[in-house]
Amino acid sequence: MSESRRISVHLALGGGAVADVLLWRKWCGSVSLLVGSTALWFLFERAGYNLLSFISNVLLLLVAILFFWAKSASLLNRPLPPLPNLEVSEEIVIKAADKMRVWVNFALSIARDISIGGNLRLFIQVALGSWIVSCIGSFFNFLTLLYIGILLSLSLPVLYDKYQNQIDDQLTVAHNIIQTQYRKIDDRVLRKISMSSDKDKKIQ
């Protein structure tokens, strides 16, 4: 692959602060995310700390700090805690609802194609994906999967940005092999289903 065909990983990730953190262009944010996620994973997974207790204790600590800060500020004529306007704007809610609506409609369209349209290929893809997720979930809990996702997010984009040409070549070869094997399996399944339906018709 030539250099002119290289894609910008930074732009593909949105080109903002999140992309800077994932590509380690802002070391402070990347290190903070890595250390914070590792600490939380160790706290909940290894130390056996309860998530609800942790949230309650953190909120209690924050409320106590703010309360005593406000009281001491009024007694010592100091400025109050610099809290922003804590409210969710209507614009944010509308944007979140629009994004959620897109995903819900996409899921409903898949369900419609399978149940009403009888799309066998799509059914096989959904069933295979669900089986893979179920197998992965049997080995890891949700918190561990989330932590693994964070680690992969902090490593894979950087590696792909650095070795994009080599990775694209290998992915092309792997994609061609997977597509070939998938077509063979799909053809076998469709052939067996058509043969069984023909037998049923003959029996009737």
Protein backbone atom coordinates (compact mmCIF):
# COMPACT_ATOMS: atom_id res chain seq x y z
CA MET A 1 0.00 0.00 0.00
CA SER A 2 1.40 3.39 -0.95
CA GLU A 3 1.76 6.25 1.47
CA SER A 4 -0.92 8.24 -0.41
CA ARG A 5 -3.48 5.58 0.42
CA ARG A 6 -2.80 5.71 4.14
CA ILE A 7 -5.79 6.77 6.19
CA SER A 8 -5.54 9.14 9.12
CA VAL A 9 -6.24 7.14 12.27
CA HIS A 10 -6.60 10.39 14.18
CA LEU A 11 -9.40 11.59 11.88
CA ALA A 12 -11.00 8.14 11.87
CA LEU A 13 -11.26 8.35 15.67
CA GLY A 14 -12.97 11.73 15.50
CA GLY A 15 -9.94 13.99 15.49
CA GLY A 16 -10.65 15.43 18.94
CA ALA A 17 -9.46 14.98 22.48
CA VAL A 18 -10.56 11.32 22.54
CA ALA A 19 -8.40 10.57 19.51
CA ASP A 20 -5.46 12.34 21.15
CA VAL A 21 -5.84 10.17 24.26
CA LEU A 22 -6.20 6.90 22.33
CA LEU A 23 -3.17 7.68 20.17
CA TRP A 24 -1.10 8.76 23.20
CA ARG A 25 -0.69 12.29 21.88
CA LYS A 26 -1.81 13.57 25.28
CA TRP A 27 0.27 11.48 27.65
CA CYS A 28 -1.40 12.87 30.75
CA GLY A 29 -4.87 11.79 29.64
CA SER A 30 -3.71 8.41 28.34
CA VAL A 31 -1.78 7.58 31.50
CA SER A 32 -4.67 8.77 33.67
CA LEU A 33 -7.12 6.55 31.78
CA LEU A 34 -4.81 3.54 32.01
CA VAL A 35 -4.01 4.00 35.70
CA GLY A 36 -7.60 4.82 36.63
CA SER A 37 -9.11 1.86 34.77
CA THR A 38 -6.47 -0.48 36.20
CA ALA A 39 -7.12 0.78 39.73
CA LEU A 40 -10.89 0.40 39.35
CA TRP A 41 -10.53 -3.09 37.85
CA PHE A 42 -8.24 -4.17 40.67
CA LEU A 43 -10.54 -2.59 43.27
CA PHE A 44 -13.71 -4.31 42.06
CA GLU A 45 -12.32 -7.53 40.57
CA ARG A 46 -9.45 -8.45 42.88
CA ALA A 47 -10.19 -6.64 46.13
CA GLY A 48 -13.86 -7.62 45.98
CA TYR A 49 -15.14 -4.08 46.53
CA ASN A 50 -18.82 -3.55 45.73
CA LEU A 51 -19.70 -1.07 42.97
CA LEU A 52 -22.74 0.33 44.78
CA SER A 53 -20.75 0.82 47.98
CA PHE A 54 -17.96 2.52 46.05
CA ILE A 55 -20.34 4.97 44.36
CA SER A 56 -22.10 5.70 47.64
CA ASN A 57 -18.82 6.32 49.47
CA VAL A 58 -17.48 8.58 46.70
CA LEU A 59 -20.70 10.61 46.65
CA LEU A 60 -20.67 10.84 50.44
CA LEU A 61 -17.07 12.06 50.40
CA LEU A 62 -17.79 14.66 47.72
CA VAL A 63 -20.90 15.94 49.52
CA ALA A 64 -18.98 16.17 52.82
CA ILE A 65 -16.12 18.06 51.19
CA LEU A 66 -18.47 20.51 49.48
CA PHE A 67 -20.52 20.99 52.65
CA PHE A 68 -17.56 21.76 54.89
CA TRP A 69 -15.98 23.89 52.15
CA ALA A 70 -19.16 25.99 51.89
CA LYS A 71 -19.43 26.29 55.70
CA SER A 72 -15.80 27.30 56.11
CA ALA A 73 -16.11 29.76 53.22
CA SER A 74 -19.05 31.52 54.88
CA LEU A 75 -17.21 31.70 58.21
CA LEU A 76 -13.85 32.82 56.81
CA ASN A 77 -15.24 35.00 54.00
CA ARG A 78 -13.71 32.75 51.38
CA PRO A 79 -15.14 32.05 47.88
CA LEU A 80 -17.65 29.22 47.56
CA PRO A 81 -16.77 25.97 45.76
CA PRO A 82 -16.45 26.67 42.00
CA LEU A 83 -19.25 24.34 40.89
CA PRO A 84 -20.54 24.59 37.32
CA ASN A 85 -24.21 24.74 36.43
CA LEU A 86 -25.13 21.11 37.14
CA GLU A 87 -27.90 20.41 34.67
CA VAL A 88 -28.41 18.37 31.51
CA SER A 89 -29.31 20.58 28.58
CA GLU A 90 -32.13 19.75 26.21
CA GLU A 91 -29.68 19.71 23.29
CA ILE A 92 -27.61 16.90 24.86
CA VAL A 93 -30.74 14.86 25.54
CA ILE A 94 -31.94 15.29 21.95
CA LYS A 95 -28.56 14.25 20.53
CA ALA A 96 -28.41 11.18 22.77
CA ALA A 97 -31.98 10.25 21.83
CA ASP A 98 -31.20 10.61 18.10
CA LYS A 99 -28.16 8.34 18.37
CA MET A 100 -30.12 5.82 20.41
CA ARG A 101 -32.94 5.91 17.86
CA VAL A 102 -30.53 5.07 15.03
CA TRP A 103 -29.22 2.00 16.86
CA VAL A 104 -32.71 0.85 17.89
CA ASN A 105 -34.02 1.19 14.34
CA PHE A 106 -31.00 -0.73 13.04
CA ALA A 107 -31.67 -3.58 15.49
CA LEU A 108 -35.36 -3.59 14.61
CA SER A 109 -34.58 -3.71 10.89
CA ILE A 110 -32.38 -6.75 11.46
CA ALA A 111 -35.12 -8.44 13.49
CA ARG A 112 -37.65 -7.66 10.73
CA ASP A 113 -35.40 -9.06 7.99
CA ILE A 114 -34.96 -12.28 9.97
CA SER A 115 -38.51 -12.82 11.23
CA ILE A 116 -40.58 -11.49 8.32
CA GLY A 117 -38.16 -11.41 5.41
CA GLY A 118 -36.72 -14.83 6.18
CA ASN A 119 -33.15 -13.69 5.54
CA LEU A 120 -31.22 -16.87 6.24
CA ARG A 121 -27.76 -15.37 5.77
CA LEU A 122 -28.51 -12.60 8.25
CA PHE A 123 -29.92 -15.14 10.70
CA ILE A 124 -26.72 -17.20 10.50
CA GLN A 125 -24.60 -14.08 11.04
CA VAL A 126 -26.62 -13.00 14.08
CA ALA A 127 -26.64 -16.51 15.54
CA LEU A 128 -22.88 -16.88 15.02
CA GLY A 129 -22.20 -13.46 16.56
CA SER A 130 -24.41 -14.23 19.56
CA TRP A 131 -22.65 -17.57 20.06
CA ILE A 132 -19.21 -15.90 19.95
CA VAL A 133 -20.31 -13.25 22.48
CA SER A 134 -21.75 -16.00 24.70
CA CYS A 135 -18.47 -17.92 24.58
CA ILE A 136 -16.46 -14.82 25.43
CA GLY A 137 -18.86 -13.97 28.25
CA SER A 138 -18.40 -17.42 29.77
CA PHE A 139 -14.70 -16.68 30.30
CA PHE A 140 -14.86 -13.04 31.43
CA ASN A 141 -17.34 -10.94 33.35
CA PHE A 142 -18.54 -7.54 32.14
CA LEU A 143 -16.03 -5.53 34.17
CA THR A 144 -13.08 -7.54 32.88
CA LEU A 145 -14.35 -7.23 29.30
CA LEU A 146 -14.67 -3.47 29.78
CA TYR A 147 -11.12 -3.28 31.12
CA ILE A 148 -9.81 -5.38 28.22
CA GLY A 149 -11.64 -3.05 25.84
CA ILE A 150 -9.91 -0.03 27.39
CA LEU A 151 -6.50 -1.73 27.11
CA LEU A 152 -7.16 -2.59 23.46
CA SER A 153 -8.35 0.96 22.78
CA LEU A 154 -5.09 2.33 24.17
CA SER A 155 -2.90 -0.10 22.20
CA LEU A 156 -4.48 -1.11 18.88
CA PRO A 157 -4.93 2.41 17.39
CA VAL A 158 -1.30 3.27 18.13
CA LEU A 159 -0.03 0.02 16.61
CA TYR A 160 -2.24 0.44 13.54
CA ASP A 161 -1.12 4.04 13.08
CA LYS A 162 2.51 2.94 13.19
CA TYR A 163 2.31 -0.28 11.13
CA GLN A 164 -0.69 0.50 8.93
CA ASN A 165 0.71 -0.85 5.67
CA GLN A 166 1.78 -4.21 7.07
CA ILE A 167 -1.45 -4.68 9.05
CA ASP A 168 -3.62 -3.82 6.03
CA ASP A 169 -1.81 -6.41 3.91
CA GLN A 170 -2.31 -9.11 6.52
CA LEU A 171 -5.95 -8.13 7.08
CA THR A 172 -6.61 -8.35 3.35
CA VAL A 173 -5.25 -11.89 3.23
CA ALA A 174 -7.19 -12.90 6.35
CA HIS A 175 -10.38 -11.31 5.01
CA ASN A 176 -10.13 -13.24 1.75
CA ILE A 177 -9.61 -16.53 3.62
CA ILE A 178 -12.54 -15.86 5.96
CA GLN A 179 -14.81 -14.89 3.07
CA THR A 180 -13.92 -18.09 1.21
CA GLN A 181 -14.58 -20.29 4.24
CA TYR A 182 -17.79 -18.40 5.05
CA ARG A 183 -19.13 -18.92 1.52
CA LYS A 184 -18.38 -22.64 1.73
CA ILE A 185 -20.15 -23.01 5.09
CA ASP A 186 -23.04 -20.83 3.95
CA ASP A 187 -23.49 -22.86 0.75
CA ARG A 188 -23.46 -26.12 2.71
CA VAL A 189 -26.08 -24.87 5.16
CA LEU A 190 -28.30 -23.54 2.38
CA ARG A 191 -27.93 -26.79 0.44
CA LYS A 192 -28.91 -28.87 3.46
CA ILE A 193 -31.92 -26.66 4.18
CA SER A 194 -33.07 -26.79 0.56
CA MET A 195 -32.65 -30.59 0.50
CA SER A 196 -34.66 -30.98 3.70
CA SER A 197 -37.42 -28.73 2.37
CA ASP A 198 -37.54 -30.73 -0.88
CA LYS A 199 -37.88 -33.96 1.12
CA ASP A 200 -40.72 -32.45 3.13
CA LYS A 201 -42.51 -31.44 -0.06
CA LYS A 202 -42.13 -34.94 -1.50
CA ILE A 203 -43.50 -36.50 1.68
CA GLN A 204 -46.50 -34.21 1.59
